[in-house]
Amino acid sequence: MFGFSLPKLIVLGIIIFAIWYAYKIYERKHIISAKKDEDQGKEDTSSVDMIRCKNCGDYFLPSNGSIYCSKETCIIEK
């Protein structure tokens, strides 16, 4: 009754494999949901507002408050 036979060992192996696989799926879902929660808390800093140069029409980052880009052709002498 309590002896080891091939069918009992196969069934035990299948049960252990099923439990291990279910735990693996559970952990994967937990990691994915944690990553989604983390991503929702972050701000989107990938976009930057650029302005158009009044002289040449190219877009640039307004670093010093100027309305002209820093190209040599657009430098306005005052």
Protein backbone atom coordinates (compact mmCIF):
# COMPACT_ATOMS: atom_id res chain seq x y z
CA MET A 1 0.00 0.00 0.00
CA PHE A 2 2.77 2.47 0.86
CA GLY A 3 5.32 1.03 -1.53
CA PHE A 4 6.89 2.93 -4.39
CA SER A 5 5.57 1.94 -7.77
CA LEU A 6 6.10 3.51 -11.16
CA PRO A 7 2.51 4.82 -11.57
CA LYS A 8 2.61 6.46 -8.13
CA LEU A 9 5.94 8.15 -8.89
CA ILE A 10 4.64 9.40 -12.25
CA VAL A 11 1.51 10.86 -10.63
CA LEU A 12 3.65 12.49 -7.91
CA GLY A 13 5.90 13.99 -10.58
CA ILE A 14 2.90 15.36 -12.48
CA ILE A 15 1.49 16.91 -9.30
CA ILE A 16 4.82 18.53 -8.41
CA PHE A 17 5.21 19.85 -11.97
CA ALA A 18 1.65 21.28 -11.97
CA ILE A 19 2.22 23.08 -8.65
CA TRP A 20 5.59 24.46 -9.81
CA TYR A 21 4.12 25.66 -13.14
CA ALA A 22 1.13 27.33 -11.41
CA TYR A 23 3.50 29.14 -9.03
CA LYS A 24 5.62 30.27 -11.98
CA ILE A 25 2.55 31.74 -13.75
CA TYR A 26 1.42 33.44 -10.51
CA GLU A 27 4.84 35.06 -10.00
CA ARG A 28 4.96 36.26 -13.62
CA LYS A 29 1.54 37.92 -13.29
CA HIS A 30 2.62 39.51 -10.01
CA ILE A 31 5.78 40.97 -11.60
CA ILE A 32 3.85 42.31 -14.60
CA SER A 33 1.21 43.99 -12.41
CA ALA A 34 3.91 45.54 -10.20
CA LYS A 35 5.67 46.90 -13.28
CA LYS A 36 2.39 48.39 -14.58
CA ASP A 37 1.77 50.08 -11.22
CA GLU A 38 5.31 51.47 -11.27
CA ASP A 39 4.93 52.77 -14.83
CA GLN A 40 1.66 54.54 -14.02
CA GLY A 41 3.32 56.51 -11.24
CA LYS A 42 6.04 57.95 -13.46
CA GLU A 43 5.66 61.21 -15.31
CA ASP A 44 6.24 61.32 -19.04
CA THR A 45 9.42 63.39 -19.45
CA SER A 46 10.18 62.32 -23.01
CA SER A 47 8.54 65.30 -24.68
CA VAL A 48 9.92 68.83 -24.69
CA ASP A 49 8.22 72.01 -25.86
CA MET A 50 10.20 73.59 -28.68
CA ILE A 51 9.70 77.00 -30.21
CA ARG A 52 10.07 78.18 -33.77
CA CYS A 53 12.84 80.58 -34.72
CA LYS A 54 11.42 83.96 -35.85
CA ASN A 55 14.15 84.33 -38.47
CA CYS A 56 14.66 80.93 -40.17
CA GLY A 57 11.62 78.92 -39.02
CA ASP A 58 13.60 76.01 -37.49
CA TYR A 59 12.52 74.61 -34.15
CA PHE A 60 14.88 74.73 -31.16
CA LEU A 61 14.95 74.39 -27.39
CA PRO A 62 14.52 77.75 -25.68
CA SER A 63 17.45 77.55 -23.25
CA ASN A 64 18.11 81.25 -22.68
CA GLY A 65 14.70 82.74 -23.44
CA SER A 66 15.64 83.86 -26.93
CA ILE A 67 13.20 83.74 -29.83
CA TYR A 68 16.02 83.10 -32.31
CA CYS A 69 18.00 79.89 -32.68
CA SER A 70 21.77 79.85 -32.22
CA LYS A 71 22.69 79.35 -35.90
CA GLU A 72 25.14 81.82 -37.36
CA THR A 73 22.57 82.92 -39.94
CA CYS A 74 19.99 83.74 -37.27
CA ILE A 75 22.11 85.67 -34.81
CA ILE A 76 20.62 89.12 -34.71
CA GLU A 77 22.97 91.95 -33.82
CA LYS A 78 21.43 94.55 -31.61
